Each structure stands twice: as structure tokens, then as C-alpha cells.
Amino acid sequence: MSPEQQLAHLTAGSAKVLSEKELLEKLRLGRPLRVKLGVDPTAPDIHFGHTVALEKLRQFQQLGHQAILLIGDFTATIGDPSGRTATRPPLTRDEVLVNAATYTDQAFKILDKALTEIVYNGDWFRKMSYEEILKLNSRVTLQQMLQREDFRNRLDAGQEIRLHELQYPIMQGWDSVEIRADVELGGTDQLFNILVGRDLQKEEGQPPQVVIVMPLLEGLDGVRKMSKSYGNYIGVSDPPQEMFGKLMSVSDDLMDRYYLLLLGEARDPSGHPMDAKKTLAEKLTARYHGAPAGRAARTDWDTRFSKKDLQAADLPELSITDLPADLTVLSLTAHAFKAAFTLEKSNSELRKQFITTGSVQLNGSKLTDPNAPLSVRPGDILKLSKKHAVRFI
């Protein structure tokens, strides 16, 4: 690609670029750009929302630029205050390193590991003297820090802000100085931190990094950002059939957004939306589980829902001996969701959204009375929803 073509490709789907002119100038230098994405491994697993910036980093990598995955083994012990209404609970470095191992394993399902430079910011922060830290702090004013919306909101609400939280943007900015980043990627909530990096690079005589912030990905509900706490997420480590099924539940509008942000491409507008959604689900399932798993998940979906042949489908199996005593439609439905799909649903939700609506079926017969007693036999199939069904053994 020419620099102009690269610019159009690399800025597609972004929420803000500061600035496109600067990025084009850097692309015209004719050398690989050093593109930084910093991650704090505060949890062992990542979901598709976390992969939006990783996908953008992959696009840079595919064009021959140097992808730098910065592991915040030091900053994660402090906790990024971005978007937070309270101080994050502290983590030990050992906890962070355990999380980092699984986090990077999942990240390298997107990035080419052999072409990715991995750095740890503890390598420089743990060597800094207190005098050096004070000198670094002197470059930023308290007024600058309090311009952050999340800090200002907490202050206005009378909520505490710990002094170590004010250090976080400075540390993230210094990371960019240490690795001489040409570009830094992040979510929209990282804009303030990345801009601090630009300022510190200028003070150090370095060309300031270009800022590319990506939008926060909506979850399966199409409204709130993808989050485990909202239960609207798709985990990178979700089993293939579950991942495929979750993707098939998204709206057509959200499907277009997932194509752009998760695959870096646009769907074919001439095709049928259902076929496009199956292709999206297959491609993403294949990315995290391999092409055979992606094809198998699509075949299984067609068997279960297009052909409605649950008997021939590869379903999760539940042992009859593990079922709760005094079985009812409600207790069986709750057990099946939790045991087969690790989904915790309230009794109210089960009654209103699944049982009384006729979604729950045993061997094709609807079970609409939550309190009705029930017995099952080996080979029976319980359909819970359009995308969840189990077989008893």
C-alpha cells in the first residue's frame, strides 16, 4: 500500500486520530513505525472488547510496522483509574505475571508472536530512584491531572482520589518515551494518558507519538459496552460452539460494527444478512480456535437451527445423576444453564424470558409451567433458547 492507502486502512473504525496529517508524514518516512499498545493484565481472560485495539495493532503489523505489546507489570500493581469511580484494588506482581501469561497467549491468537516486541514497564520503573520519580512528577501539574473527567467527577462527588492514581498517566506517558513510540493505540478512555505521552516525548526531544483511540465495543445487547459485569460479552476462550452462537445473536447493525472493529473489513452488502452473520461468526471462531473448529461450529449451527435437527447436533451433555432432587421445570432449566453454559440466571429471568415464553422445550414439547414436576431419561434433549440446548445421559 502507498502511504495514503495505509492511512485510510489504519484509521478506519477509529474514534479519534491525532493527527492524520502527522500519521501520513510518519508513513512517508519509509521505515517501520514503532506502534505501542499497553495492557495491564489485571485479569487472566480477555473478551472481544479487549481485542479491538489488538486488531488495529495487527493491521499495522501486517503492513510491516513494528508491533510493541507493552505489559504493564508495574502499572498493573497500581491500577489504571481511567473510567473508574473508585480506586482499583491493588494486585501483587506475582498475580500480574500469572495473568500476563494467559493474556499474551490469547493476544497471540491475533498478533504474530514472532514479529511482536514484548516489553515490561517494570524493567525501567523498578530501577528509578525516588529523586528521578520526583523529577518526572515535576513535569506535570495537579491542574492537568484534574482536567481528567473521571478524576473531576470523583472529586465533585466527594469520592477519594489516592495520590498514586495521579501517577498513572505520567507512568503510561513515560512508557512511550522509553520505547520511542511513533504511534500509541488505546481505547477512548485512554486519550488523556496517551496525550501525556506526547508531551513527555516532546520534552525529551523525541517526535511526539500519533494517537489512535478506538471506540469501546458494544456488547451483545447492542447498548452497553462489552463487559463481564453486564453479562453481554464474548470471551476469547469461550468454546467454539458458544462463541459462534453468541455472535449469531447480534443485531444486523451490530454485525457491521463487529466486521469493522474485530475483523478490520466490511461485510459484502450484496449478500444475505444471515449468511454474512454466519461468515462473521465462522471467521472469528476460526481466529481463536482454528479453521476446522470454525467450520464445525457453523455446520453444527445449521444442523441445530437451520435444519432444526437437535438429535443429530453435537450438544453439551448433562448426567442425570447430577440433577437436583424434586426436579421442576424451573430447577432443571437453572441447572442446565449453569452446568452446561456457566450462565447464572435468576428465577425471575428464567420464568419471564424462557419458560413462560415457550423457549424451554423437552424433546420438542414446550414446558411453560415453572413449578411443574419433571423427570428426564437418557437421550432426552432440553432446548433452553434459540442458541442453548443440552442432551441428558
Protein backbone atom coordinates (compact mmCIF):
# COMPACT_ATOMS: atom_id res chain seq x y z
CA MET A 1 0.00 0.00 0.00
CA SER A 2 1.02 3.59 -0.59
CA PRO A 3 1.24 5.83 2.50
CA GLU A 4 -2.14 7.32 1.57
CA GLN A 5 -3.72 3.86 1.26
CA GLN A 6 -2.18 2.80 4.57
CA LEU A 7 -3.59 5.91 6.22
CA ALA A 8 -7.14 5.11 5.07
CA HIS A 9 -6.81 1.48 6.19
CA LEU A 10 -5.23 2.19 9.57
CA THR A 11 -7.64 4.93 10.60
CA ALA A 12 -10.79 3.02 9.59
CA GLY A 13 -13.03 2.37 12.58
CA SER A 14 -11.06 4.64 14.92
CA ALA A 15 -12.77 7.09 17.25
CA LYS A 16 -10.06 9.78 17.07
CA VAL A 17 -6.67 10.24 15.40
CA LEU A 18 -4.25 12.98 16.48
CA SER A 19 -3.46 13.61 13.83
CA GLU A 20 -3.98 12.07 10.40
CA LYS A 21 -1.54 14.60 8.96
CA GLU A 22 1.18 13.51 11.41
CA LEU A 23 0.49 9.83 10.75
CA LEU A 24 0.78 10.35 6.99
CA GLU A 25 4.10 12.14 7.49
CA LYS A 26 5.39 9.22 9.55
CA LEU A 27 4.16 6.68 6.98
CA ARG A 28 6.03 8.59 4.28
CA LEU A 29 9.32 8.12 6.16
CA GLY A 30 9.60 4.72 4.50
CA ARG A 31 10.58 2.85 7.69
CA PRO A 32 8.63 0.56 10.01
CA LEU A 33 6.82 2.62 12.64
CA ARG A 34 7.03 1.59 16.30
CA VAL A 35 3.40 1.06 17.30
CA LYS A 36 2.67 0.69 21.00
CA LEU A 37 -0.27 -0.94 22.75
CA GLY A 38 -0.03 -1.09 26.52
CA VAL A 39 -2.03 -3.60 28.52
CA ASP A 40 -2.35 -4.08 32.26
CA PRO A 41 -3.12 -7.77 32.83
CA THR A 42 -5.45 -7.26 35.79
CA ALA A 43 -7.45 -10.40 34.86
CA PRO A 44 -6.46 -13.70 33.22
CA ASP A 45 -9.04 -13.68 30.43
CA ILE A 46 -9.93 -11.18 27.75
CA HIS A 47 -13.13 -10.68 25.78
CA PHE A 48 -13.79 -9.32 22.30
CA GLY A 49 -13.98 -5.77 23.63
CA HIS A 50 -10.31 -6.03 24.58
CA THR A 51 -9.37 -7.23 21.09
CA VAL A 52 -10.43 -4.06 19.23
CA ALA A 53 -7.06 -2.35 19.84
CA LEU A 54 -5.25 -5.65 19.26
CA GLU A 55 -6.90 -5.93 15.84
CA LYS A 56 -5.72 -2.43 14.96
CA LEU A 57 -2.20 -3.36 16.11
CA ARG A 58 -2.40 -6.45 13.89
CA GLN A 59 -3.24 -4.23 10.90
CA PHE A 60 -0.08 -2.18 11.49
CA GLN A 61 1.88 -5.42 11.84
CA GLN A 62 0.55 -6.80 8.57
CA LEU A 63 1.76 -3.65 6.79
CA GLY A 64 5.29 -4.23 8.04
CA HIS A 65 5.33 -1.96 11.07
CA GLN A 66 6.77 -2.98 14.44
CA ALA A 67 4.07 -4.04 16.88
CA ILE A 68 5.05 -3.43 20.51
CA LEU A 69 2.95 -5.09 23.19
CA LEU A 70 3.79 -3.38 26.45
CA ILE A 71 2.90 -5.44 29.52
CA GLY A 72 2.24 -3.20 32.50
CA ASP A 73 3.71 -5.50 35.12
CA PHE A 74 4.47 -2.39 37.21
CA THR A 75 1.47 -0.20 36.39
CA ALA A 76 -0.98 -3.08 36.89
CA THR A 77 0.03 -3.25 40.55
CA ILE A 78 -1.23 0.35 40.83
CA GLY A 79 -4.29 0.15 38.59
CA ASP A 80 -5.43 2.41 35.77
CA PRO A 81 -8.00 4.91 37.13
CA SER A 82 -9.43 5.58 33.64
CA GLY A 83 -13.20 5.42 33.71
CA ARG A 84 -13.24 4.33 37.34
CA THR A 85 -15.47 5.72 40.07
CA ALA A 86 -13.34 4.22 42.84
CA THR A 87 -9.75 3.17 43.47
CA ARG A 88 -8.84 -0.18 41.94
CA PRO A 89 -7.90 -2.94 44.41
CA PRO A 90 -4.13 -3.49 44.34
CA LEU A 91 -2.58 -6.59 42.78
CA THR A 92 0.74 -8.22 43.63
CA ARG A 93 3.37 -8.56 40.91
CA ASP A 94 3.05 -12.36 41.09
CA GLU A 95 -0.70 -12.08 40.39
CA VAL A 96 0.01 -9.76 37.49
CA LEU A 97 2.59 -12.09 35.93
CA VAL A 98 0.21 -15.08 36.16
CA ASN A 99 -2.46 -13.02 34.39
CA ALA A 100 0.08 -11.81 31.82
CA ALA A 101 0.87 -15.38 30.75
CA THR A 102 -2.72 -16.19 29.77
CA TYR A 103 -3.37 -12.68 28.46
CA THR A 104 -0.48 -12.86 26.00
CA ASP A 105 -1.43 -16.41 24.96
CA GLN A 106 -4.82 -15.06 23.92
CA ALA A 107 -3.35 -11.90 22.34
CA PHE A 108 -1.12 -14.02 20.10
CA LYS A 109 -4.18 -15.55 18.53
CA ILE A 110 -4.45 -12.14 16.86
CA LEU A 111 -0.85 -10.95 16.62
CA ASP A 112 2.11 -12.73 15.04
CA LYS A 113 4.18 -13.60 18.09
CA ALA A 114 7.42 -13.89 16.13
CA LEU A 115 7.03 -10.33 14.85
CA THR A 116 5.85 -8.76 18.12
CA GLU A 117 8.19 -6.97 20.50
CA ILE A 118 7.15 -7.62 24.11
CA VAL A 119 8.33 -5.22 26.80
CA TYR A 120 7.61 -4.90 30.53
CA ASN A 121 7.50 -1.44 32.09
CA GLY A 122 8.80 -2.82 35.36
CA ASP A 123 12.17 -3.04 33.59
CA TRP A 124 12.60 0.75 33.93
CA PHE A 125 10.26 1.78 36.75
CA ARG A 126 11.83 -0.62 39.25
CA LYS A 127 15.24 0.92 38.55
CA MET A 128 14.17 4.53 39.11
CA SER A 129 15.33 6.32 42.24
CA TYR A 130 12.97 8.45 44.28
CA GLU A 131 14.82 11.52 43.02
CA GLU A 132 14.11 10.50 39.42
CA ILE A 133 10.44 9.96 40.24
CA LEU A 134 10.19 13.43 41.77
CA LYS A 135 11.79 14.96 38.67
CA LEU A 136 9.30 13.10 36.47
CA ASN A 137 6.37 14.28 38.60
CA SER A 138 7.57 17.88 38.35
CA ARG A 139 6.80 17.89 34.63
CA VAL A 140 3.03 17.59 35.20
CA THR A 141 0.77 19.90 37.21
CA LEU A 142 -2.07 18.94 39.51
CA GLN A 143 -4.32 21.15 37.40
CA GLN A 144 -3.52 18.98 34.36
CA MET A 145 -4.39 15.81 36.24
CA LEU A 146 -7.67 17.24 37.47
CA GLN A 147 -8.71 18.02 33.91
CA ARG A 148 -9.47 14.30 33.62
CA GLU A 149 -13.21 13.81 33.64
CA ASP A 150 -13.11 10.72 35.86
CA PHE A 151 -10.93 12.48 38.47
CA ARG A 152 -13.08 15.59 38.35
CA ASN A 153 -16.29 13.61 38.75
CA ARG A 154 -14.93 11.76 41.77
CA LEU A 155 -13.74 15.00 43.32
CA ASP A 156 -17.12 16.68 42.76
CA ALA A 157 -18.89 13.67 44.27
CA GLY A 158 -16.71 13.77 47.37
CA GLN A 159 -15.08 10.43 46.50
CA GLU A 160 -11.46 9.90 47.40
CA ILE A 161 -8.64 10.01 44.85
CA ARG A 162 -5.46 8.34 46.04
CA LEU A 163 -2.22 10.10 45.17
CA HIS A 164 -0.78 7.03 43.48
CA GLU A 165 -3.64 7.18 40.95
CA LEU A 166 -2.40 10.59 39.80
CA GLN A 167 0.88 8.89 38.91
CA TYR A 168 -0.69 6.54 36.39
CA PRO A 169 -0.96 8.88 33.35
CA ILE A 170 2.62 10.03 33.96
CA MET A 171 3.88 6.44 34.01
CA GLN A 172 1.95 5.49 30.88
CA GLY A 173 3.39 8.56 29.18
CA TRP A 174 6.93 7.67 30.24
CA ASP A 175 6.48 4.21 28.72
CA SER A 176 6.23 5.92 25.33
CA VAL A 177 9.50 7.76 25.96
CA GLU A 178 11.28 4.54 26.92
CA ILE A 179 10.22 2.64 23.80
CA ARG A 180 10.32 5.67 21.46
CA ALA A 181 6.81 5.04 20.19
CA ASP A 182 5.73 6.52 16.85
CA VAL A 183 2.09 5.59 17.42
CA GLU A 184 0.13 4.62 20.52
CA LEU A 185 -3.16 2.74 20.40
CA GLY A 186 -5.82 2.55 23.08
CA GLY A 187 -9.50 2.89 23.89
CA THR A 188 -11.27 6.23 24.06
CA ASP A 189 -10.84 6.15 27.84
CA GLN A 190 -7.04 6.25 27.31
CA LEU A 191 -6.92 9.55 25.40
CA PHE A 192 -5.72 11.65 28.35
CA ASN A 193 -2.95 9.19 29.24
CA ILE A 194 -1.69 8.98 25.65
CA LEU A 195 -1.62 12.75 25.32
CA VAL A 196 0.62 12.91 28.40
CA GLY A 197 2.98 10.62 26.49
CA ARG A 198 3.12 13.11 23.60
CA ASP A 199 4.05 15.91 25.99
CA LEU A 200 6.80 13.91 27.68
CA GLN A 201 8.25 12.82 24.33
CA LYS A 202 8.44 16.47 23.19
CA GLU A 203 10.29 17.38 26.41
CA GLU A 204 12.76 14.55 25.74
CA GLY A 205 13.41 15.77 22.18
CA GLN A 206 11.52 12.89 20.58
CA PRO A 207 8.95 13.27 17.79
CA PRO A 208 5.54 13.04 19.51
CA GLN A 209 3.59 9.85 19.00
CA VAL A 210 0.43 9.78 16.91
CA VAL A 211 -2.66 8.99 18.98
CA ILE A 212 -5.19 6.47 17.67
CA VAL A 213 -8.01 5.69 20.07
CA MET A 214 -10.56 3.02 19.27
CA PRO A 215 -14.23 3.06 20.26
CA LEU A 216 -15.47 0.91 23.10
CA LEU A 217 -17.19 -2.15 21.62
CA GLU A 218 -20.87 -2.62 22.36
CA GLY A 219 -21.80 -5.96 23.90
CA LEU A 220 -24.36 -8.47 22.69
CA ASP A 221 -27.21 -6.23 23.85
CA GLY A 222 -26.07 -3.57 21.37
CA VAL A 223 -26.34 -0.84 24.00
CA ARG A 224 -23.79 -1.04 26.80
CA LYS A 225 -20.07 -1.59 26.35
CA MET A 226 -18.97 -5.21 26.35
CA SER A 227 -18.27 -6.24 29.94
CA LYS A 228 -18.29 -9.35 32.04
CA SER A 229 -20.17 -7.45 34.72
CA TYR A 230 -23.01 -6.82 32.25
CA GLY A 231 -23.04 -10.42 31.01
CA ASN A 232 -23.04 -9.20 27.39
CA TYR A 233 -19.55 -10.37 26.46
CA ILE A 234 -17.90 -12.95 24.20
CA GLY A 235 -14.78 -14.41 25.77
CA VAL A 236 -11.74 -15.16 23.64
CA SER A 237 -11.55 -18.52 25.43
CA ASP A 238 -15.27 -19.35 25.02
CA PRO A 239 -15.81 -22.81 23.45
CA PRO A 240 -16.27 -22.69 19.65
CA GLN A 241 -19.98 -23.50 19.60
CA GLU A 242 -20.74 -21.00 22.35
CA MET A 243 -18.68 -18.29 20.63
CA PHE A 244 -20.43 -18.94 17.31
CA GLY A 245 -23.86 -18.92 18.96
CA LYS A 246 -23.25 -15.65 20.77
CA LEU A 247 -22.16 -13.99 17.53
CA MET A 248 -25.30 -15.23 15.78
CA SER A 249 -27.39 -13.38 18.37
CA VAL A 250 -26.14 -9.89 17.47
CA SER A 251 -28.29 -7.44 15.50
CA ASP A 252 -27.58 -6.65 11.84
CA ASP A 253 -26.36 -3.14 12.75
CA LEU A 254 -24.00 -4.52 15.38
CA MET A 255 -22.81 -7.16 12.92
CA ASP A 256 -21.45 -4.42 10.62
CA ARG A 257 -19.61 -2.86 13.56
CA TYR A 258 -18.13 -6.22 14.57
CA TYR A 259 -16.92 -6.77 11.00
CA LEU A 260 -15.09 -3.43 11.05
CA LEU A 261 -13.69 -3.45 14.58
CA LEU A 262 -12.98 -7.16 15.08
CA LEU A 263 -12.01 -8.23 11.57
CA GLY A 264 -10.91 -4.94 10.03
CA GLU A 265 -13.13 -5.40 6.99
CA ALA A 266 -16.57 -4.51 5.68
CA ARG A 267 -19.22 -7.12 5.00
CA ASP A 268 -20.40 -7.75 1.46
CA PRO A 269 -23.60 -5.69 1.14
CA SER A 270 -24.83 -7.83 -1.75
CA GLY A 271 -25.12 -10.98 0.39
CA HIS A 272 -27.98 -12.05 2.65
CA PRO A 273 -27.57 -10.72 6.22
CA MET A 274 -27.94 -14.21 7.71
CA ASP A 275 -25.15 -15.58 5.52
CA ALA A 276 -23.00 -12.56 6.41
CA LYS A 277 -23.57 -13.17 10.10
CA LYS A 278 -22.61 -16.84 9.76
CA THR A 279 -19.45 -15.81 7.92
CA LEU A 280 -18.58 -13.31 10.67
CA ALA A 281 -19.14 -15.95 13.35
CA GLU A 282 -17.11 -18.56 11.45
CA LYS A 283 -14.17 -16.20 10.83
CA LEU A 284 -13.96 -15.08 14.45
CA THR A 285 -14.39 -18.61 15.80
CA ALA A 286 -11.66 -19.78 13.41
CA ARG A 287 -9.35 -16.99 14.58
CA TYR A 288 -9.42 -18.22 18.18
CA HIS A 289 -9.93 -21.96 17.69
CA GLY A 290 -8.66 -22.72 14.18
CA ALA A 291 -10.37 -23.09 10.80
CA PRO A 292 -11.69 -26.66 11.40
CA ALA A 293 -13.42 -25.52 14.61
CA GLY A 294 -14.94 -22.54 12.81
CA ARG A 295 -16.36 -24.76 10.05
CA ALA A 296 -17.61 -27.32 12.57
CA ALA A 297 -19.38 -24.65 14.63
CA ARG A 298 -21.13 -23.36 11.52
CA THR A 299 -22.17 -26.87 10.49
CA ASP A 300 -23.47 -27.55 13.98
CA TRP A 301 -25.42 -24.29 13.98
CA ASP A 302 -27.03 -25.19 10.66
CA THR A 303 -27.91 -28.63 11.99
CA ARG A 304 -29.48 -27.27 15.15
CA PHE A 305 -31.22 -24.15 13.94
CA SER A 306 -31.44 -24.09 10.17
CA LYS A 307 -32.39 -27.77 9.87
CA LYS A 308 -33.76 -27.93 13.43
CA ASP A 309 -32.25 -31.40 13.91
CA LEU A 310 -31.20 -31.38 17.56
CA GLN A 311 -30.90 -35.17 17.68
CA ALA A 312 -28.02 -35.04 15.20
CA ALA A 313 -26.38 -31.98 16.78
CA ASP A 314 -23.26 -32.04 18.94
CA LEU A 315 -24.78 -30.85 22.23
CA PRO A 316 -23.36 -30.43 25.73
CA GLU A 317 -24.20 -33.50 27.81
CA LEU A 318 -25.52 -33.50 31.38
CA SER A 319 -25.60 -36.51 33.65
CA ILE A 320 -29.00 -37.40 35.08
CA THR A 321 -27.33 -38.46 38.33
CA ASP A 322 -26.16 -34.86 38.89
CA LEU A 323 -29.64 -33.33 38.64
CA PRO A 324 -31.20 -31.69 41.72
CA ALA A 325 -33.78 -33.61 43.75
CA ASP A 326 -37.53 -32.93 43.39
CA LEU A 327 -36.98 -31.74 39.82
CA THR A 328 -39.19 -28.99 38.40
CA VAL A 329 -39.11 -27.16 35.08
CA LEU A 330 -37.56 -24.15 36.85
CA SER A 331 -34.88 -26.06 38.74
CA LEU A 332 -33.94 -28.11 35.66
CA THR A 333 -33.66 -25.01 33.48
CA ALA A 334 -31.49 -23.22 36.04
CA HIS A 335 -29.27 -26.30 36.45
CA ALA A 336 -28.83 -26.75 32.70
CA PHE A 337 -27.85 -23.12 32.08
CA LYS A 338 -25.30 -23.18 34.89
CA ALA A 339 -23.84 -26.67 34.39
CA ALA A 340 -23.62 -26.64 30.59
CA PHE A 341 -23.01 -22.96 29.82
CA THR A 342 -21.82 -21.45 33.16
CA LEU A 343 -24.66 -18.93 32.96
CA GLU A 344 -26.19 -17.80 36.24
CA LYS A 345 -29.77 -16.64 35.71
CA SER A 346 -32.28 -15.52 38.31
CA ASN A 347 -35.53 -17.43 38.81
CA SER A 348 -37.43 -14.34 37.69
CA GLU A 349 -35.43 -14.13 34.46
CA LEU A 350 -35.89 -17.84 33.78
CA ARG A 351 -39.66 -17.61 34.27
CA LYS A 352 -40.24 -14.45 32.22
CA GLN A 353 -37.74 -14.82 29.39
CA PHE A 354 -37.50 -18.55 28.84
CA ILE A 355 -40.18 -20.72 30.42
CA THR A 356 -43.46 -18.80 30.05
CA THR A 357 -42.45 -17.70 26.53
CA GLY A 358 -42.20 -21.31 25.36
CA SER A 359 -38.45 -21.27 24.74
CA VAL A 360 -37.84 -24.21 27.09
CA GLN A 361 -38.75 -27.49 25.39
CA LEU A 362 -38.19 -31.13 26.28
CA ASN A 363 -37.97 -33.30 23.17
CA GLY A 364 -39.88 -30.63 21.26
CA SER A 365 -42.68 -30.18 23.84
CA LYS A 366 -42.92 -26.74 25.44
CA LEU A 367 -42.59 -26.53 29.22
CA THR A 368 -44.42 -23.35 30.24
CA ASP A 369 -45.22 -24.08 33.91
CA PRO A 370 -42.14 -23.26 36.03
CA ASN A 371 -43.39 -25.29 39.01
CA ALA A 372 -44.44 -28.43 37.12
CA PRO A 373 -42.64 -31.58 38.35
CA LEU A 374 -40.41 -33.21 35.77
CA SER A 375 -38.39 -36.32 35.05
CA VAL A 376 -35.89 -36.94 32.26
CA ARG A 377 -34.37 -40.03 30.67
CA PRO A 378 -31.07 -40.68 28.90
CA GLY A 379 -31.20 -39.31 25.36
CA ASP A 380 -33.76 -36.60 26.18
CA ILE A 381 -32.96 -33.16 24.75
CA LEU A 382 -33.77 -29.96 26.61
CA LYS A 383 -33.87 -26.83 24.49
CA LEU A 384 -33.36 -23.72 26.61
CA SER A 385 -33.31 -20.97 23.98
CA LYS A 386 -32.56 -20.40 20.33
CA LYS A 387 -28.87 -21.00 20.95
CA HIS A 388 -28.75 -23.27 24.01
CA ALA A 389 -29.70 -26.93 24.22
CA VAL A 390 -28.41 -29.96 26.16
CA ARG A 391 -28.62 -33.75 25.95
CA PHE A 392 -29.08 -35.92 29.07
CA ILE A 393 -27.00 -39.02 29.61
